[in-house]
């Protein structure tokens, strides 16, 4: 034991253990209310699916969106999915220190049901 007169050393235990707060973009909670496109009203389908991916800013807003469904399903579904994703709010990705960073989302499945 010492005499109490030594210098204290601060240690970042998380850094020593390799703990990271990093995570990817998280999708918004709940259902998205993406309306059935007007161009698709005459279709007999009751459901359609489109895949997109977003670049999400540090504040959770969307910087850009790309259509992943290939080919574009047509009848306005691709554009409607892009429009829907652009207005969503996401939980942003975090770096190892837990700070929000701009990042790309995982593929997002946008379902249209009527």
N, C-alpha and C. Protein backbone atom coordinates (compact mmCIF):
# COMPACT_ATOMS: atom_id res chain seq x y z
N UNK A 1 0.83 -1.18 0.00
CA UNK A 1 0.00 0.00 0.00
C UNK A 1 0.87 1.24 0.00
N UNK A 2 0.39 2.28 -0.64
CA UNK A 2 1.16 3.51 -0.70
C UNK A 2 0.80 4.43 0.43
N UNK A 3 1.44 5.58 0.40
CA UNK A 3 1.19 6.55 1.45
C UNK A 3 0.11 7.54 1.07
N UNK A 4 -0.51 7.34 -0.09
CA UNK A 4 -1.58 8.23 -0.54
C UNK A 4 -1.07 9.47 -1.24
N UNK A 5 0.25 9.62 -1.34
CA UNK A 5 0.80 10.80 -1.96
C UNK A 5 1.09 10.64 -3.44
N UNK A 6 0.80 9.46 -4.04
CA UNK A 6 1.09 9.22 -5.45
C UNK A 6 0.07 9.88 -6.37
N UNK A 7 0.41 9.88 -7.64
CA UNK A 7 -0.49 10.43 -8.65
C UNK A 7 -1.53 9.39 -9.05
N UNK A 8 -2.75 9.81 -9.18
CA UNK A 8 -3.79 8.91 -9.66
C UNK A 8 -3.75 8.83 -11.17
N UNK A 9 -4.15 7.73 -11.71
CA UNK A 9 -4.18 7.54 -13.15
C UNK A 9 -5.61 7.23 -13.57
N UNK A 10 -6.14 8.01 -14.49
CA UNK A 10 -7.48 7.75 -15.01
C UNK A 10 -7.36 6.75 -16.15
N UNK A 11 -8.17 5.74 -16.10
CA UNK A 11 -8.14 4.70 -17.12
C UNK A 11 -9.52 4.59 -17.75
N UNK A 12 -9.57 4.61 -19.07
CA UNK A 12 -10.82 4.40 -19.80
C UNK A 12 -11.02 2.90 -19.92
N UNK A 13 -11.81 2.34 -19.00
CA UNK A 13 -12.00 0.90 -18.95
C UNK A 13 -12.63 0.37 -20.24
N UNK A 14 -13.60 1.09 -20.79
CA UNK A 14 -14.22 0.65 -22.05
C UNK A 14 -13.18 0.53 -23.16
N UNK A 15 -12.27 1.49 -23.22
CA UNK A 15 -11.23 1.44 -24.25
C UNK A 15 -10.32 0.24 -24.04
N UNK A 16 -9.97 -0.04 -22.78
CA UNK A 16 -9.13 -1.19 -22.49
C UNK A 16 -9.81 -2.51 -22.85
N UNK A 17 -11.10 -2.57 -22.62
CA UNK A 17 -11.86 -3.80 -22.89
C UNK A 17 -12.30 -3.88 -24.35
N UNK A 18 -12.09 -2.83 -25.09
CA UNK A 18 -12.49 -2.82 -26.49
C UNK A 18 -13.98 -2.61 -26.69
N UNK A 19 -14.67 -2.11 -25.69
CA UNK A 19 -16.10 -1.87 -25.81
C UNK A 19 -16.34 -0.75 -26.82
N UNK A 20 -17.29 -0.97 -27.68
CA UNK A 20 -17.60 0.02 -28.70
C UNK A 20 -19.09 0.32 -28.67
N UNK A 21 -19.42 1.57 -28.85
CA UNK A 21 -20.82 1.98 -28.91
C UNK A 21 -21.32 2.07 -30.35
N UNK A 22 -20.49 1.64 -31.28
CA UNK A 22 -20.84 1.75 -32.70
C UNK A 22 -22.06 0.89 -33.02
N UNK A 23 -22.87 1.41 -33.94
CA UNK A 23 -24.02 0.66 -34.46
C UNK A 23 -24.38 1.27 -35.81
N UNK A 24 -25.10 0.52 -36.58
CA UNK A 24 -25.55 0.99 -37.88
C UNK A 24 -26.82 1.80 -37.78
N UNK A 25 -27.25 2.29 -38.92
CA UNK A 25 -28.51 3.03 -39.01
C UNK A 25 -29.64 2.11 -38.59
N UNK A 26 -30.57 2.64 -37.83
CA UNK A 26 -31.74 1.88 -37.42
C UNK A 26 -32.97 2.44 -38.11
N UNK A 27 -33.82 1.54 -38.52
CA UNK A 27 -35.03 1.94 -39.22
C UNK A 27 -36.01 2.59 -38.26
N UNK A 28 -36.88 3.45 -38.78
CA UNK A 28 -37.87 4.08 -37.92
C UNK A 28 -38.81 3.04 -37.33
N UNK A 29 -39.24 3.30 -36.13
CA UNK A 29 -40.17 2.39 -35.47
C UNK A 29 -41.56 2.51 -36.09
N UNK A 30 -42.30 1.44 -35.98
CA UNK A 30 -43.68 1.46 -36.48
C UNK A 30 -43.75 1.27 -37.98
N UNK A 31 -44.95 1.32 -38.47
CA UNK A 31 -45.18 1.16 -39.91
C UNK A 31 -45.05 2.48 -40.63
N UNK A 32 -44.54 2.40 -41.82
CA UNK A 32 -44.55 3.57 -42.69
C UNK A 32 -45.90 3.59 -43.36
N UNK A 33 -46.48 4.75 -43.49
CA UNK A 33 -47.74 4.85 -44.22
C UNK A 33 -47.42 5.39 -45.61
N UNK A 34 -47.11 4.46 -46.49
CA UNK A 34 -46.80 4.80 -47.88
C UNK A 34 -48.05 4.54 -48.71
N UNK A 35 -48.62 5.58 -49.26
CA UNK A 35 -49.87 5.40 -50.02
C UNK A 35 -49.66 4.63 -51.33
N UNK A 36 -50.68 3.88 -51.71
CA UNK A 36 -50.71 3.17 -52.98
C UNK A 36 -50.60 4.22 -54.09
N UNK A 37 -49.68 4.05 -55.04
CA UNK A 37 -49.51 5.07 -56.09
C UNK A 37 -50.75 5.21 -56.99
N UNK A 38 -51.04 6.43 -57.38
CA UNK A 38 -52.18 6.68 -58.28
C UNK A 38 -52.06 5.90 -59.57
N UNK A 39 -50.83 5.79 -60.10
CA UNK A 39 -50.63 5.07 -61.38
C UNK A 39 -50.94 3.59 -61.26
N UNK A 40 -51.09 3.08 -60.05
CA UNK A 40 -51.31 1.64 -59.85
C UNK A 40 -52.74 1.31 -59.44
N UNK A 41 -53.63 2.29 -59.47
CA UNK A 41 -55.01 2.05 -59.03
C UNK A 41 -55.72 0.97 -59.84
N UNK A 42 -55.42 0.87 -61.12
CA UNK A 42 -56.10 -0.10 -61.98
C UNK A 42 -55.57 -1.52 -61.81
N UNK A 43 -54.45 -1.69 -61.12
CA UNK A 43 -53.89 -3.03 -60.93
C UNK A 43 -54.79 -3.86 -60.02
N UNK A 44 -54.79 -5.15 -60.25
CA UNK A 44 -55.57 -6.05 -59.41
C UNK A 44 -54.79 -6.51 -58.19
N UNK A 45 -53.52 -6.19 -58.13
CA UNK A 45 -52.68 -6.57 -57.00
C UNK A 45 -53.19 -5.92 -55.73
N UNK A 46 -53.02 -6.61 -54.62
CA UNK A 46 -53.38 -6.06 -53.32
C UNK A 46 -52.14 -5.65 -52.52
N UNK A 47 -50.98 -6.09 -53.02
CA UNK A 47 -49.74 -5.83 -52.30
C UNK A 47 -48.57 -5.76 -53.28
N UNK A 48 -47.64 -4.87 -52.99
CA UNK A 48 -46.40 -4.76 -53.76
C UNK A 48 -45.28 -4.45 -52.79
N UNK A 49 -44.06 -4.78 -53.20
CA UNK A 49 -42.89 -4.54 -52.36
C UNK A 49 -41.79 -3.91 -53.20
N UNK A 50 -41.10 -2.94 -52.62
CA UNK A 50 -39.99 -2.26 -53.27
C UNK A 50 -38.87 -2.16 -52.24
N UNK A 51 -37.64 -2.34 -52.69
CA UNK A 51 -36.48 -2.21 -51.78
C UNK A 51 -35.70 -0.94 -52.11
N UNK A 52 -35.35 -0.22 -51.04
CA UNK A 52 -34.57 1.01 -51.17
C UNK A 52 -33.45 1.00 -50.12
N UNK A 53 -32.52 1.93 -50.27
CA UNK A 53 -31.46 2.15 -49.27
C UNK A 53 -31.29 3.65 -49.13
N UNK A 54 -31.08 4.11 -47.89
CA UNK A 54 -30.95 5.55 -47.63
C UNK A 54 -29.58 5.87 -47.05
N UNK A 55 -29.10 7.06 -47.34
CA UNK A 55 -27.95 7.62 -46.63
C UNK A 55 -28.57 8.54 -45.58
N UNK A 56 -28.25 8.25 -44.32
CA UNK A 56 -28.87 8.95 -43.19
C UNK A 56 -27.85 9.87 -42.54
N UNK A 57 -28.26 11.12 -42.37
CA UNK A 57 -27.38 12.13 -41.75
C UNK A 57 -27.27 11.90 -40.24
N UNK A 58 -26.37 12.65 -39.61
CA UNK A 58 -26.14 12.55 -38.17
C UNK A 58 -27.40 12.84 -37.36
N UNK A 59 -28.29 13.67 -37.89
CA UNK A 59 -29.50 14.03 -37.15
C UNK A 59 -30.67 13.08 -37.43
N UNK A 60 -30.46 12.04 -38.24
CA UNK A 60 -31.52 11.08 -38.54
C UNK A 60 -32.32 11.40 -39.79
N UNK A 61 -32.06 12.55 -40.39
CA UNK A 61 -32.76 12.89 -41.63
C UNK A 61 -32.09 12.18 -42.80
N UNK A 62 -32.78 12.14 -43.91
CA UNK A 62 -32.30 11.40 -45.09
C UNK A 62 -31.57 12.35 -46.04
N UNK A 63 -30.34 12.00 -46.37
CA UNK A 63 -29.55 12.77 -47.32
C UNK A 63 -29.88 12.35 -48.75
N UNK A 64 -30.04 11.03 -48.98
CA UNK A 64 -30.36 10.52 -50.31
C UNK A 64 -30.94 9.12 -50.18
N UNK A 65 -31.63 8.69 -51.23
CA UNK A 65 -32.24 7.36 -51.28
C UNK A 65 -32.00 6.78 -52.65
N UNK A 66 -31.74 5.46 -52.70
CA UNK A 66 -31.60 4.79 -53.99
C UNK A 66 -32.56 3.61 -54.05
N UNK A 67 -33.04 3.35 -55.24
CA UNK A 67 -33.92 2.22 -55.48
C UNK A 67 -33.07 0.99 -55.69
N UNK A 68 -33.32 -0.07 -54.91
CA UNK A 68 -32.58 -1.31 -55.03
C UNK A 68 -33.34 -2.35 -55.86
N UNK A 69 -34.65 -2.22 -55.93
CA UNK A 69 -35.45 -3.17 -56.70
C UNK A 69 -35.07 -3.04 -58.16
N UNK A 70 -34.71 -4.16 -58.74
CA UNK A 70 -34.30 -4.15 -60.14
C UNK A 70 -35.01 -5.29 -60.85
N UNK A 71 -35.82 -5.02 -61.81
CA UNK A 71 -36.08 -3.69 -62.34
C UNK A 71 -37.07 -2.92 -61.47
N UNK A 72 -37.19 -1.64 -61.73
CA UNK A 72 -38.19 -0.82 -61.07
C UNK A 72 -39.54 -1.48 -61.32
N UNK A 73 -40.36 -1.68 -60.29
CA UNK A 73 -41.63 -2.36 -60.48
C UNK A 73 -42.65 -1.59 -61.32
N UNK A 74 -42.37 -0.34 -61.62
CA UNK A 74 -43.28 0.44 -62.46
C UNK A 74 -44.54 0.85 -61.73
N UNK A 75 -45.48 1.41 -62.47
CA UNK A 75 -46.79 1.86 -61.95
C UNK A 75 -46.65 2.84 -60.79
N UNK A 76 -45.50 3.52 -60.68
CA UNK A 76 -45.29 4.53 -59.65
C UNK A 76 -44.78 4.00 -58.32
N UNK A 77 -44.59 2.68 -58.19
CA UNK A 77 -44.15 2.12 -56.91
C UNK A 77 -42.73 2.54 -56.54
N UNK A 78 -41.82 2.56 -57.50
CA UNK A 78 -40.45 2.95 -57.21
C UNK A 78 -40.38 4.38 -56.70
N UNK A 79 -41.00 5.30 -57.40
CA UNK A 79 -40.98 6.70 -56.99
C UNK A 79 -41.70 6.90 -55.67
N UNK A 80 -42.81 6.18 -55.45
CA UNK A 80 -43.54 6.29 -54.18
C UNK A 80 -42.68 5.80 -53.01
N UNK A 81 -41.94 4.72 -53.21
CA UNK A 81 -41.06 4.20 -52.15
C UNK A 81 -39.94 5.19 -51.84
N UNK A 82 -39.36 5.79 -52.88
CA UNK A 82 -38.30 6.79 -52.68
C UNK A 82 -38.85 7.99 -51.91
N UNK A 83 -40.03 8.45 -52.31
CA UNK A 83 -40.67 9.60 -51.65
C UNK A 83 -40.93 9.28 -50.17
N UNK A 84 -41.43 8.10 -49.92
CA UNK A 84 -41.74 7.67 -48.55
C UNK A 84 -40.47 7.63 -47.69
N UNK A 85 -39.40 7.06 -48.23
CA UNK A 85 -38.14 6.95 -47.49
C UNK A 85 -37.53 8.33 -47.23
N UNK A 86 -37.68 9.24 -48.18
CA UNK A 86 -37.10 10.59 -48.01
C UNK A 86 -37.70 11.33 -46.83
N UNK A 87 -38.94 11.03 -46.48
CA UNK A 87 -39.61 11.76 -45.40
C UNK A 87 -39.48 11.05 -44.05
N UNK A 88 -38.89 9.85 -44.02
CA UNK A 88 -38.76 9.10 -42.77
C UNK A 88 -37.64 9.69 -41.90
N UNK A 89 -37.74 9.46 -40.61
CA UNK A 89 -36.67 9.80 -39.67
C UNK A 89 -36.09 8.50 -39.15
N UNK A 90 -34.78 8.42 -39.13
CA UNK A 90 -34.07 7.23 -38.71
C UNK A 90 -33.30 7.49 -37.43
N UNK A 91 -32.92 6.44 -36.73
CA UNK A 91 -31.93 6.55 -35.65
C UNK A 91 -30.58 6.47 -36.37
N UNK A 92 -29.76 7.52 -36.29
CA UNK A 92 -28.50 7.53 -37.04
C UNK A 92 -27.52 6.47 -36.56
N UNK A 93 -26.57 6.16 -37.42
CA UNK A 93 -25.46 5.28 -37.03
C UNK A 93 -24.62 6.00 -35.99
N UNK A 94 -23.92 5.21 -35.18
CA UNK A 94 -23.03 5.77 -34.16
C UNK A 94 -21.62 5.24 -34.38
N UNK A 95 -20.63 6.10 -34.12
CA UNK A 95 -19.24 5.63 -34.21
C UNK A 95 -18.88 4.92 -32.90
N UNK A 96 -17.65 4.48 -32.77
CA UNK A 96 -17.23 3.69 -31.61
C UNK A 96 -17.41 4.45 -30.29
N UNK A 97 -17.35 5.78 -30.34
CA UNK A 97 -17.52 6.59 -29.13
C UNK A 97 -18.98 6.93 -28.87
N UNK A 98 -19.88 6.47 -29.74
CA UNK A 98 -21.30 6.74 -29.55
C UNK A 98 -21.78 8.03 -30.18
N UNK A 99 -20.94 8.66 -31.01
CA UNK A 99 -21.33 9.90 -31.68
C UNK A 99 -22.07 9.59 -32.98
N UNK A 100 -23.15 10.31 -33.27
CA UNK A 100 -23.87 10.09 -34.53
C UNK A 100 -22.98 10.40 -35.74
N UNK A 101 -23.09 9.57 -36.76
CA UNK A 101 -22.33 9.76 -38.01
C UNK A 101 -23.25 9.48 -39.19
N UNK A 102 -22.92 10.10 -40.33
CA UNK A 102 -23.67 9.83 -41.55
C UNK A 102 -23.30 8.43 -42.04
N UNK A 103 -24.31 7.66 -42.44
CA UNK A 103 -24.05 6.29 -42.90
C UNK A 103 -25.20 5.81 -43.77
N UNK A 104 -24.92 4.73 -44.47
CA UNK A 104 -25.90 4.09 -45.35
C UNK A 104 -26.73 3.08 -44.55
N UNK A 105 -28.02 3.05 -44.80
CA UNK A 105 -28.90 2.10 -44.13
C UNK A 105 -28.75 0.71 -44.72
N UNK A 106 -29.22 -0.29 -44.01
CA UNK A 106 -29.35 -1.60 -44.65
C UNK A 106 -30.48 -1.50 -45.68
N UNK A 107 -30.63 -2.49 -46.54
CA UNK A 107 -31.77 -2.47 -47.47
C UNK A 107 -33.09 -2.37 -46.69
N UNK A 108 -33.98 -1.57 -47.21
CA UNK A 108 -35.28 -1.34 -46.57
C UNK A 108 -36.37 -1.88 -47.49
N UNK A 109 -37.22 -2.71 -46.94
CA UNK A 109 -38.35 -3.26 -47.70
C UNK A 109 -39.56 -2.36 -47.46
N UNK A 110 -40.05 -1.74 -48.52
CA UNK A 110 -41.21 -0.88 -48.44
C UNK A 110 -42.39 -1.66 -49.00
N UNK A 111 -43.37 -1.92 -48.16
CA UNK A 111 -44.55 -2.67 -48.60
C UNK A 111 -45.71 -1.73 -48.84
N UNK A 112 -46.38 -1.96 -49.93
CA UNK A 112 -47.61 -1.24 -50.25
C UNK A 112 -48.74 -2.24 -50.18
N UNK A 113 -49.75 -1.92 -49.39
CA UNK A 113 -50.90 -2.81 -49.23
C UNK A 113 -52.16 -1.96 -49.36
N UNK A 114 -53.15 -2.54 -50.07
CA UNK A 114 -54.42 -1.83 -50.13
C UNK A 114 -55.57 -2.76 -49.85
